[in-house]
Amino acid sequence: MKMTEFEMPPMQDLLIIGKRAPIGPEAVRRMAEALSPDQFSILKIDHPKVEGVLIRNSLLEMLDKQLLLEIILEEADRLINESMVLRAEMKITVSLQREVELQ
């Protein structure tokens, strides 16, 4: 038996929805909208195994949508099959380095 704290919403940063998953992208979008209004967007995609990705809007504001999808699908492609819904966490870290000329 595994017990964990119930999380609201029951998804983190994104859900990757397989083409034959028990819940489709539209139902996932409605669930996300009911639990966390205006925080997630659904992206329908053309992929052999994945039908859509529910993604936190703040991630879409930080990186280009196409770049995000490429990263997500590259990582998920090794794990997912058509009947799965994967919950994933994605952290974006920005690293800056600046040289300052001392006088």
C-alpha atoms as a PDB file:
ATOM      1  CA  MET A   1       0.000   0.000   0.000  1.00  0.00           C
ATOM      2  CA  LYS A   2       1.173   3.486  -0.822  1.00  0.00           C
ATOM      3  CA  MET A   3      -0.230   6.560   0.896  1.00  0.00           C
ATOM      4  CA  THR A   4       0.497  10.118  -0.103  1.00  0.00           C
ATOM      5  CA  GLU A   5      -1.009  13.471   0.655  1.00  0.00           C
ATOM      6  CA  PHE A   6      -3.825  14.375  -1.723  1.00  0.00           C
ATOM      7  CA  GLU A   7      -2.669  17.223  -3.895  1.00  0.00           C
ATOM      8  CA  MET A   8      -4.877  19.988  -5.245  1.00  0.00           C
ATOM      9  CA  PRO A   9      -4.887  20.079  -8.151  1.00  0.00           C
ATOM     10  CA  PRO A  10      -4.126  16.376  -8.765  1.00  0.00           C
ATOM     11  CA  MET A  11      -1.632  17.363 -11.431  1.00  0.00           C
ATOM     12  CA  GLN A  12       1.603  19.241 -11.158  1.00  0.00           C
ATOM     13  CA  ASP A  13       3.070  21.108 -14.090  1.00  0.00           C
ATOM     14  CA  LEU A  14       1.847  18.952 -16.937  1.00  0.00           C
ATOM     15  CA  LEU A  15      -0.052  15.878 -18.006  1.00  0.00           C
ATOM     16  CA  ILE A  16       0.926  13.988 -21.132  1.00  0.00           C
ATOM     17  CA  ILE A  17      -2.118  12.249 -22.592  1.00  0.00           C
ATOM     18  CA  GLY A  18      -1.754   9.143 -24.743  1.00  0.00           C
ATOM     19  CA  LYS A  19      -3.863   8.671 -27.878  1.00  0.00           C
ATOM     20  CA  ARG A  20      -5.891   5.824 -26.297  1.00  0.00           C
ATOM     21  CA  ALA A  21      -5.812   7.019 -22.667  1.00  0.00           C
ATOM     22  CA  PRO A  22      -8.954   6.507 -20.553  1.00  0.00           C
ATOM     23  CA  ILE A  23      -9.348  10.294 -20.353  1.00  0.00           C
ATOM     24  CA  GLY A  24      -8.976  12.523 -23.400  1.00  0.00           C
ATOM     25  CA  PRO A  25      -7.549  16.018 -23.744  1.00  0.00           C
ATOM     26  CA  GLU A  26     -10.954  17.756 -23.602  1.00  0.00           C
ATOM     27  CA  ALA A  27     -11.944  15.971 -20.365  1.00  0.00           C
ATOM     28  CA  VAL A  28      -8.525  16.763 -18.879  1.00  0.00           C
ATOM     29  CA  ARG A  29      -8.954  20.416 -19.851  1.00  0.00           C
ATOM     30  CA  ARG A  30     -12.383  20.580 -18.170  1.00  0.00           C
ATOM     31  CA  MET A  31     -11.005  18.897 -15.024  1.00  0.00           C
ATOM     32  CA  ALA A  32      -8.110  21.358 -14.839  1.00  0.00           C
ATOM     33  CA  GLU A  33     -10.421  24.316 -15.420  1.00  0.00           C
ATOM     34  CA  ALA A  34     -12.756  23.148 -12.636  1.00  0.00           C
ATOM     35  CA  LEU A  35      -9.920  22.605 -10.144  1.00  0.00           C
ATOM     36  CA  SER A  36      -7.545  25.422 -11.111  1.00  0.00           C
ATOM     37  CA  PRO A  37      -9.267  28.007 -13.308  1.00  0.00           C
ATOM     38  CA  ASP A  38      -7.053  29.760 -15.864  1.00  0.00           C
ATOM     39  CA  GLN A  39      -3.870  27.977 -14.748  1.00  0.00           C
ATOM     40  CA  PHE A  40      -3.516  25.328 -17.479  1.00  0.00           C
ATOM     41  CA  SER A  41      -3.795  25.082 -21.261  1.00  0.00           C
ATOM     42  CA  ILE A  42      -4.294  22.013 -23.396  1.00  0.00           C
ATOM     43  CA  LEU A  43      -2.061  21.590 -26.426  1.00  0.00           C
ATOM     44  CA  LYS A  44      -3.269  19.047 -28.975  1.00  0.00           C
ATOM     45  CA  ILE A  45      -0.399  17.591 -30.941  1.00  0.00           C
ATOM     46  CA  ASP A  46       0.305  15.289 -33.853  1.00  0.00           C
ATOM     47  CA  HIS A  47       2.451  12.491 -32.418  1.00  0.00           C
ATOM     48  CA  PRO A  48       2.409   8.683 -32.838  1.00  0.00           C
ATOM     49  CA  LYS A  49       1.626   8.019 -29.135  1.00  0.00           C
ATOM     50  CA  VAL A  50       0.567  11.337 -27.576  1.00  0.00           C
ATOM     51  CA  GLU A  51      -2.688  13.170 -28.289  1.00  0.00           C
ATOM     52  CA  GLY A  52      -2.261  16.180 -26.062  1.00  0.00           C
ATOM     53  CA  VAL A  53      -0.372  17.892 -23.275  1.00  0.00           C
ATOM     54  CA  LEU A  54      -1.956  19.823 -20.423  1.00  0.00           C
ATOM     55  CA  ILE A  55       0.577  22.397 -19.344  1.00  0.00           C
ATOM     56  CA  ARG A  56       0.751  25.057 -16.658  1.00  0.00           C
ATOM     57  CA  ASN A  57       0.381  28.507 -18.259  1.00  0.00           C
ATOM     58  CA  SER A  58       3.346  29.892 -16.309  1.00  0.00           C
ATOM     59  CA  LEU A  59       5.633  27.485 -18.187  1.00  0.00           C
ATOM     60  CA  LEU A  60       4.239  28.713 -21.501  1.00  0.00           C
ATOM     61  CA  GLU A  61       5.039  32.268 -20.433  1.00  0.00           C
ATOM     62  CA  MET A  62       8.669  31.354 -19.726  1.00  0.00           C
ATOM     63  CA  LEU A  63       9.572  29.371 -22.844  1.00  0.00           C
ATOM     64  CA  ASP A  64       8.442  29.102 -26.434  1.00  0.00           C
ATOM     65  CA  LYS A  65       5.559  26.615 -26.817  1.00  0.00           C
ATOM     66  CA  GLN A  66       7.257  24.645 -29.597  1.00  0.00           C
ATOM     67  CA  LEU A  67      10.515  24.355 -27.632  1.00  0.00           C
ATOM     68  CA  LEU A  68       8.614  23.161 -24.556  1.00  0.00           C
ATOM     69  CA  LEU A  69       6.751  20.529 -26.573  1.00  0.00           C
ATOM     70  CA  GLU A  70       9.989  19.274 -28.125  1.00  0.00           C
ATOM     71  CA  ILE A  71      11.560  18.853 -24.669  1.00  0.00           C
ATOM     72  CA  ILE A  72       8.448  17.194 -23.188  1.00  0.00           C
ATOM     73  CA  LEU A  73       7.978  14.756 -26.065  1.00  0.00           C
ATOM     74  CA  GLU A  74      11.670  13.880 -26.222  1.00  0.00           C
ATOM     75  CA  GLU A  75      11.632  12.869 -22.562  1.00  0.00           C
ATOM     76  CA  ALA A  76       8.162  11.286 -22.493  1.00  0.00           C
ATOM     77  CA  ASP A  77       8.558   9.289 -25.690  1.00  0.00           C
ATOM     78  CA  ARG A  78      10.737   6.740 -23.883  1.00  0.00           C
ATOM     79  CA  LEU A  79       8.155   6.179 -21.117  1.00  0.00           C
ATOM     80  CA  ILE A  80       4.681   6.621 -22.503  1.00  0.00           C
ATOM     81  CA  ASN A  81       2.446   4.283 -24.449  1.00  0.00           C
ATOM     82  CA  GLU A  82      -0.842   5.181 -26.145  1.00  0.00           C
ATOM     83  CA  SER A  83      -3.029   4.236 -23.172  1.00  0.00           C
ATOM     84  CA  MET A  84      -1.150   6.207 -20.496  1.00  0.00           C
ATOM     85  CA  VAL A  85      -1.509   9.611 -18.887  1.00  0.00           C
ATOM     86  CA  LEU A  86       1.786  10.762 -17.403  1.00  0.00           C
ATOM     87  CA  ARG A  87       1.960  13.393 -14.698  1.00  0.00           C
ATOM     88  CA  ALA A  88       5.182  15.355 -14.807  1.00  0.00           C
ATOM     89  CA  GLU A  89       6.952  18.113 -13.006  1.00  0.00           C
ATOM     90  CA  MET A  90       9.042  20.573 -14.975  1.00  0.00           C
ATOM     91  CA  LYS A  91      11.377  23.102 -13.421  1.00  0.00           C
ATOM     92  CA  ILE A  92      12.966  25.802 -15.520  1.00  0.00           C
ATOM     93  CA  THR A  93      16.170  27.245 -14.179  1.00  0.00           C
ATOM     94  CA  VAL A  94      17.719  30.357 -15.649  1.00  0.00           C
ATOM     95  CA  SER A  95      21.431  30.770 -15.106  1.00  0.00           C
ATOM     96  CA  LEU A  96      23.130  34.083 -15.814  1.00  0.00           C
ATOM     97  CA  GLN A  97      26.758  35.003 -15.788  1.00  0.00           C
ATOM     98  CA  ARG A  98      27.963  38.566 -16.200  1.00  0.00           C
ATOM     99  CA  GLU A  99      31.425  40.020 -16.368  1.00  0.00           C
ATOM    100  CA  VAL A 100      31.963  43.388 -14.733  1.00  0.00           C
ATOM    101  CA  GLU A 101      34.939  45.564 -15.526  1.00  0.00           C
ATOM    102  CA  LEU A 102      36.480  46.966 -12.356  1.00  0.00           C
ATOM    103  CA  GLN A 103      37.841  50.516 -12.452  1.00  0.00           C
END
